[in-house]
Amino acid sequence: MDPQTAIDLGQQAIITALWIATPILVTGLAVGLVIGLLQAMTQIQEQSVATIPKLMLMAVAASLALPWLLAQMMAYTEGVLRNIGQMF
């Protein structure tokens, strides 16, 4: 395997990981922002008030996006396995 192939494979892996993490991270960011604003308005600074809804909604986002996430991971894996003969 030449260095350029290894770099391309690593780059594709990182991009795929970022795409897979995006729906969950964006959900956590949006929920955290809304809860932070509500905490600032009500002056309630309890950490569990922010953590529990964020975890619950991130789990919901992960379960809703699961078919798409699995399709992305399978497409990457199939691409790697299909081209494995050309890599070595």
N, C-alpha and C. Protein backbone atom coordinates (compact mmCIF):
# COMPACT_ATOMS: atom_id res chain seq x y z
N MET A 1 0.86 -1.17 0.00
CA MET A 1 0.00 0.00 0.00
C MET A 1 0.90 1.23 0.00
N ASP A 2 0.66 2.10 -0.94
CA ASP A 2 1.46 3.31 -0.98
C ASP A 2 0.90 4.34 0.00
N PRO A 3 1.71 5.33 0.36
CA PRO A 3 1.27 6.31 1.36
C PRO A 3 0.02 7.09 0.94
N GLN A 4 -0.12 7.40 -0.33
CA GLN A 4 -1.29 8.16 -0.77
C GLN A 4 -2.58 7.38 -0.57
N THR A 5 -2.54 6.08 -0.81
CA THR A 5 -3.71 5.24 -0.60
C THR A 5 -4.09 5.22 0.87
N ALA A 6 -3.09 5.11 1.75
CA ALA A 6 -3.35 5.11 3.18
C ALA A 6 -3.94 6.45 3.63
N ILE A 7 -3.43 7.54 3.07
CA ILE A 7 -3.96 8.87 3.40
C ILE A 7 -5.40 9.01 2.92
N ASP A 8 -5.68 8.56 1.70
CA ASP A 8 -7.04 8.63 1.17
C ASP A 8 -8.01 7.77 1.99
N LEU A 9 -7.57 6.59 2.39
CA LEU A 9 -8.40 5.71 3.19
C LEU A 9 -8.70 6.33 4.56
N GLY A 10 -7.69 6.91 5.17
CA GLY A 10 -7.89 7.58 6.45
C GLY A 10 -8.79 8.79 6.33
N GLN A 11 -8.63 9.54 5.25
CA GLN A 11 -9.48 10.72 5.02
C GLN A 11 -10.93 10.31 4.83
N GLN A 12 -11.16 9.26 4.07
CA GLN A 12 -12.53 8.77 3.88
C GLN A 12 -13.13 8.28 5.19
N ALA A 13 -12.32 7.63 6.02
CA ALA A 13 -12.80 7.14 7.31
C ALA A 13 -13.20 8.30 8.22
N ILE A 14 -12.40 9.34 8.24
CA ILE A 14 -12.71 10.51 9.08
C ILE A 14 -13.95 11.22 8.58
N ILE A 15 -14.08 11.40 7.29
CA ILE A 15 -15.26 12.07 6.73
C ILE A 15 -16.51 11.25 7.01
N THR A 16 -16.43 9.93 6.85
CA THR A 16 -17.57 9.07 7.15
C THR A 16 -17.95 9.16 8.63
N ALA A 17 -16.96 9.15 9.51
CA ALA A 17 -17.23 9.26 10.95
C ALA A 17 -17.89 10.60 11.29
N LEU A 18 -17.44 11.67 10.65
CA LEU A 18 -18.06 12.97 10.89
C LEU A 18 -19.51 13.01 10.41
N TRP A 19 -19.77 12.42 9.24
CA TRP A 19 -21.15 12.38 8.73
C TRP A 19 -22.04 11.55 9.65
N ILE A 20 -21.49 10.46 10.18
CA ILE A 20 -22.28 9.60 11.06
C ILE A 20 -22.58 10.30 12.39
N ALA A 21 -21.64 11.07 12.89
CA ALA A 21 -21.82 11.73 14.18
C ALA A 21 -22.66 13.01 14.08
N THR A 22 -22.78 13.57 12.90
CA THR A 22 -23.44 14.87 12.75
C THR A 22 -24.87 14.94 13.28
N PRO A 23 -25.78 14.01 12.94
CA PRO A 23 -27.16 14.16 13.44
C PRO A 23 -27.25 14.16 14.97
N ILE A 24 -26.45 13.32 15.60
CA ILE A 24 -26.50 13.22 17.06
C ILE A 24 -25.89 14.47 17.69
N LEU A 25 -24.78 14.93 17.15
CA LEU A 25 -24.12 16.11 17.72
C LEU A 25 -24.95 17.37 17.51
N VAL A 26 -25.58 17.51 16.36
CA VAL A 26 -26.41 18.68 16.10
C VAL A 26 -27.62 18.68 17.03
N THR A 27 -28.20 17.51 17.26
CA THR A 27 -29.31 17.42 18.21
C THR A 27 -28.86 17.82 19.60
N GLY A 28 -27.72 17.33 20.05
CA GLY A 28 -27.21 17.70 21.37
C GLY A 28 -26.91 19.18 21.47
N LEU A 29 -26.39 19.75 20.41
CA LEU A 29 -26.09 21.18 20.40
C LEU A 29 -27.37 22.01 20.49
N ALA A 30 -28.38 21.65 19.70
CA ALA A 30 -29.63 22.40 19.70
C ALA A 30 -30.35 22.29 21.05
N VAL A 31 -30.41 21.08 21.58
CA VAL A 31 -31.07 20.90 22.88
C VAL A 31 -30.30 21.61 23.97
N GLY A 32 -28.99 21.52 23.94
CA GLY A 32 -28.17 22.22 24.94
C GLY A 32 -28.36 23.73 24.88
N LEU A 33 -28.48 24.28 23.68
CA LEU A 33 -28.70 25.71 23.53
C LEU A 33 -30.05 26.13 24.09
N VAL A 34 -31.09 25.38 23.77
CA VAL A 34 -32.43 25.71 24.27
C VAL A 34 -32.47 25.58 25.79
N ILE A 35 -31.92 24.51 26.32
CA ILE A 35 -31.95 24.32 27.78
C ILE A 35 -31.09 25.38 28.46
N GLY A 36 -29.97 25.72 27.87
CA GLY A 36 -29.13 26.77 28.44
C GLY A 36 -29.86 28.11 28.50
N LEU A 37 -30.59 28.43 27.44
CA LEU A 37 -31.38 29.67 27.45
C LEU A 37 -32.47 29.63 28.52
N LEU A 38 -33.14 28.49 28.63
CA LEU A 38 -34.17 28.36 29.66
C LEU A 38 -33.58 28.44 31.06
N GLN A 39 -32.42 27.85 31.26
CA GLN A 39 -31.76 27.94 32.57
C GLN A 39 -31.33 29.36 32.87
N ALA A 40 -30.87 30.07 31.87
CA ALA A 40 -30.46 31.45 32.09
C ALA A 40 -31.66 32.34 32.42
N MET A 41 -32.80 32.06 31.77
CA MET A 41 -33.99 32.87 32.04
C MET A 41 -34.58 32.58 33.42
N THR A 42 -34.53 31.31 33.84
CA THR A 42 -35.14 30.95 35.12
C THR A 42 -34.13 30.92 36.27
N GLN A 43 -32.85 31.07 35.97
CA GLN A 43 -31.76 31.04 36.95
C GLN A 43 -31.68 29.72 37.68
N ILE A 44 -32.08 28.64 37.03
CA ILE A 44 -31.90 27.29 37.58
C ILE A 44 -30.60 26.75 36.98
N GLN A 45 -29.63 26.46 37.79
CA GLN A 45 -28.32 26.04 37.31
C GLN A 45 -27.98 24.60 37.70
N GLU A 46 -28.97 23.73 37.69
CA GLU A 46 -28.76 22.33 38.02
C GLU A 46 -28.29 21.58 36.77
N GLN A 47 -27.21 20.81 36.88
CA GLN A 47 -26.64 20.11 35.72
C GLN A 47 -27.55 19.00 35.21
N SER A 48 -28.27 18.33 36.10
CA SER A 48 -29.13 17.24 35.64
C SER A 48 -30.28 17.75 34.80
N VAL A 49 -30.67 19.01 34.99
CA VAL A 49 -31.74 19.59 34.17
C VAL A 49 -31.29 19.67 32.71
N ALA A 50 -30.03 19.91 32.48
CA ALA A 50 -29.52 20.01 31.12
C ALA A 50 -29.13 18.64 30.56
N THR A 51 -28.61 17.77 31.39
CA THR A 51 -28.05 16.52 30.91
C THR A 51 -29.11 15.50 30.51
N ILE A 52 -30.12 15.34 31.33
CA ILE A 52 -31.11 14.28 31.08
C ILE A 52 -31.89 14.51 29.78
N PRO A 53 -32.45 15.70 29.53
CA PRO A 53 -33.15 15.88 28.24
C PRO A 53 -32.21 15.77 27.04
N LYS A 54 -30.98 16.24 27.21
CA LYS A 54 -30.02 16.17 26.12
C LYS A 54 -29.72 14.71 25.77
N LEU A 55 -29.48 13.88 26.77
CA LEU A 55 -29.21 12.46 26.51
C LEU A 55 -30.41 11.76 25.89
N MET A 56 -31.59 12.07 26.40
CA MET A 56 -32.79 11.43 25.87
C MET A 56 -33.02 11.80 24.41
N LEU A 57 -32.91 13.07 24.08
CA LEU A 57 -33.15 13.49 22.69
C LEU A 57 -32.04 13.05 21.75
N MET A 58 -30.83 12.95 22.26
CA MET A 58 -29.75 12.42 21.43
C MET A 58 -29.97 10.94 21.14
N ALA A 59 -30.50 10.19 22.11
CA ALA A 59 -30.82 8.78 21.87
C ALA A 59 -31.95 8.65 20.86
N VAL A 60 -32.94 9.54 20.94
CA VAL A 60 -34.04 9.53 19.96
C VAL A 60 -33.49 9.85 18.57
N ALA A 61 -32.62 10.84 18.48
CA ALA A 61 -32.04 11.19 17.18
C ALA A 61 -31.22 10.04 16.62
N ALA A 62 -30.48 9.35 17.48
CA ALA A 62 -29.69 8.21 17.02
C ALA A 62 -30.60 7.09 16.53
N SER A 63 -31.69 6.83 17.23
CA SER A 63 -32.59 5.76 16.80
C SER A 63 -33.32 6.12 15.51
N LEU A 64 -33.67 7.39 15.33
CA LEU A 64 -34.34 7.81 14.09
C LEU A 64 -33.38 7.80 12.91
N ALA A 65 -32.12 8.13 13.15
CA ALA A 65 -31.14 8.19 12.07
C ALA A 65 -30.42 6.86 11.86
N LEU A 66 -30.76 5.85 12.64
CA LEU A 66 -30.04 4.58 12.57
C LEU A 66 -30.04 3.94 11.18
N PRO A 67 -31.15 3.90 10.44
CA PRO A 67 -31.07 3.31 9.09
C PRO A 67 -30.09 4.06 8.18
N TRP A 68 -30.10 5.38 8.25
CA TRP A 68 -29.17 6.16 7.44
C TRP A 68 -27.73 5.95 7.90
N LEU A 69 -27.52 5.91 9.22
CA LEU A 69 -26.18 5.69 9.76
C LEU A 69 -25.63 4.34 9.31
N LEU A 70 -26.45 3.31 9.40
CA LEU A 70 -26.01 1.98 8.97
C LEU A 70 -25.73 1.94 7.47
N ALA A 71 -26.53 2.64 6.67
CA ALA A 71 -26.29 2.69 5.23
C ALA A 71 -24.96 3.37 4.92
N GLN A 72 -24.65 4.43 5.64
CA GLN A 72 -23.37 5.12 5.43
C GLN A 72 -22.19 4.22 5.81
N MET A 73 -22.31 3.54 6.94
CA MET A 73 -21.22 2.65 7.36
C MET A 73 -21.06 1.48 6.40
N MET A 74 -22.18 0.93 5.93
CA MET A 74 -22.09 -0.18 4.99
C MET A 74 -21.52 0.25 3.65
N ALA A 75 -21.87 1.46 3.19
CA ALA A 75 -21.32 1.95 1.92
C ALA A 75 -19.81 2.13 2.03
N TYR A 76 -19.34 2.66 3.15
CA TYR A 76 -17.90 2.83 3.34
C TYR A 76 -17.21 1.48 3.39
N THR A 77 -17.77 0.54 4.16
CA THR A 77 -17.16 -0.78 4.29
C THR A 77 -17.15 -1.52 2.96
N GLU A 78 -18.25 -1.44 2.22
CA GLU A 78 -18.30 -2.08 0.91
C GLU A 78 -17.26 -1.48 -0.03
N GLY A 79 -17.10 -0.17 0.01
CA GLY A 79 -16.10 0.48 -0.84
C GLY A 79 -14.68 0.04 -0.50
N VAL A 80 -14.40 -0.09 0.78
CA VAL A 80 -13.07 -0.54 1.20
C VAL A 80 -12.84 -1.99 0.79
N LEU A 81 -13.84 -2.85 1.03
CA LEU A 81 -13.68 -4.25 0.69
C LEU A 81 -13.63 -4.48 -0.82
N ARG A 82 -14.37 -3.68 -1.57
CA ARG A 82 -14.36 -3.81 -3.02
C ARG A 82 -12.99 -3.43 -3.60
N ASN A 83 -12.35 -2.44 -3.00
CA ASN A 83 -11.08 -1.95 -3.53
C ASN A 83 -9.87 -2.49 -2.79
N ILE A 84 -10.05 -3.51 -1.96
CA ILE A 84 -8.94 -4.01 -1.17
C ILE A 84 -7.84 -4.62 -2.04
N GLY A 85 -8.23 -5.17 -3.18
CA GLY A 85 -7.23 -5.75 -4.09
C GLY A 85 -6.33 -4.70 -4.69
N GLN A 86 -6.85 -3.49 -4.90
CA GLN A 86 -6.06 -2.41 -5.48
C GLN A 86 -5.17 -1.74 -4.46
N MET A 87 -5.47 -1.92 -3.16
CA MET A 87 -4.70 -1.25 -2.12
C MET A 87 -3.35 -1.90 -1.88
N PHE A 88 -3.28 -3.19 -2.09
CA PHE A 88 -2.02 -3.90 -1.78
C PHE A 88 -1.33 -4.38 -3.01
